[in-house]
Protein backbone atom coordinates (compact mmCIF):
# COMPACT_ATOMS: atom_id res chain seq x y z
CA MET A 1 -40.83 24.17 -2.74
CA ARG A 2 -43.95 22.24 -3.79
CA PHE A 3 -43.30 23.18 -7.98
CA PHE A 4 -39.73 21.48 -7.76
CA ARG A 5 -39.46 17.96 -8.95
CA ARG A 6 -37.34 15.67 -7.65
CA THR A 7 -34.89 14.53 -10.28
CA THR A 8 -33.26 10.81 -8.50
CA GLY A 9 -33.61 8.24 -11.15
CA ARG A 10 -35.53 10.39 -14.09
CA ARG A 11 -34.10 10.59 -17.13
CA ALA A 12 -35.48 13.23 -19.95
CA PRO A 13 -36.83 10.64 -22.69
CA GLN A 14 -34.16 12.31 -25.44
CA GLU A 15 -31.30 11.66 -22.67
CA ARG A 16 -29.68 8.06 -23.27
CA ARG A 17 -27.05 6.22 -22.02
CA ARG A 18 -24.02 6.28 -24.20
CA ALA A 19 -22.74 3.44 -24.99
CA PRO A 20 -19.00 2.29 -23.41
CA SER A 21 -16.05 2.96 -25.72
CA PHE A 22 -13.98 -0.21 -26.94
CA ARG A 23 -11.49 0.78 -24.53
CA GLU A 24 -13.49 1.03 -21.30
CA LEU A 25 -15.17 -2.64 -22.51
CA ARG A 26 -11.68 -3.99 -22.40
CA ALA A 27 -10.50 -2.41 -19.35
CA ARG A 28 -13.80 -3.95 -17.61
CA LEU A 29 -12.97 -7.43 -18.86
CA ARG A 30 -9.36 -6.77 -17.62
CA THR A 31 -10.58 -6.11 -14.33
CA GLU A 32 -12.85 -8.75 -14.39
CA LYS A 33 -10.37 -11.02 -15.47
CA ALA A 34 -8.09 -9.83 -12.81
CA GLU A 35 -10.41 -10.41 -10.14
CA ALA A 36 -10.98 -14.03 -10.91
CA ARG A 37 -7.24 -14.79 -11.08
CA LEU A 38 -7.03 -12.69 -7.14
CA LEU A 39 -9.90 -15.24 -6.22
CA ASP A 40 -8.32 -18.23 -7.29
CA THR A 41 -5.34 -17.55 -5.79
CA GLU A 42 -7.16 -16.78 -2.38
CA VAL A 43 -8.96 -19.99 -2.62
CA ARG A 44 -5.46 -21.88 -2.89
CA ILE A 45 -3.85 -20.06 -0.61
CA HIS A 46 -6.66 -21.26 2.10
CA GLN A 47 -6.52 -24.81 0.38
CA GLU A 48 -2.42 -24.76 1.30
CA ALA A 49 -2.96 -22.99 4.37
CA ALA A 50 -5.22 -25.95 5.73
CA ARG A 51 -3.00 -28.30 4.38
CA ILE A 52 -0.60 -27.30 6.27
CA ARG A 53 -2.28 -27.16 9.51
CA ASN A 54 -3.69 -30.81 8.83
CA GLN A 55 0.30 -31.83 8.73
CA ILE A 56 1.18 -30.24 11.76
CA ARG A 57 -2.11 -31.72 13.87
CA THR A 58 -1.17 -34.98 12.94
CA SER A 59 2.73 -34.89 12.86
CA ALA A 60 2.32 -33.45 16.72
């Protein structure tokens, strides 16, 4: 057992990370934009809910 090397996290010197393709980069950009829009929508929903709660409290 002592002759086996642990290979987690190690790479051979000639092995390099491949560059992402244009399609992958574009897909990542679209995903990031969609996540940003989703977070923006969530913020607006919470603001509107808070406004409605405040209106209910003041009118009751």
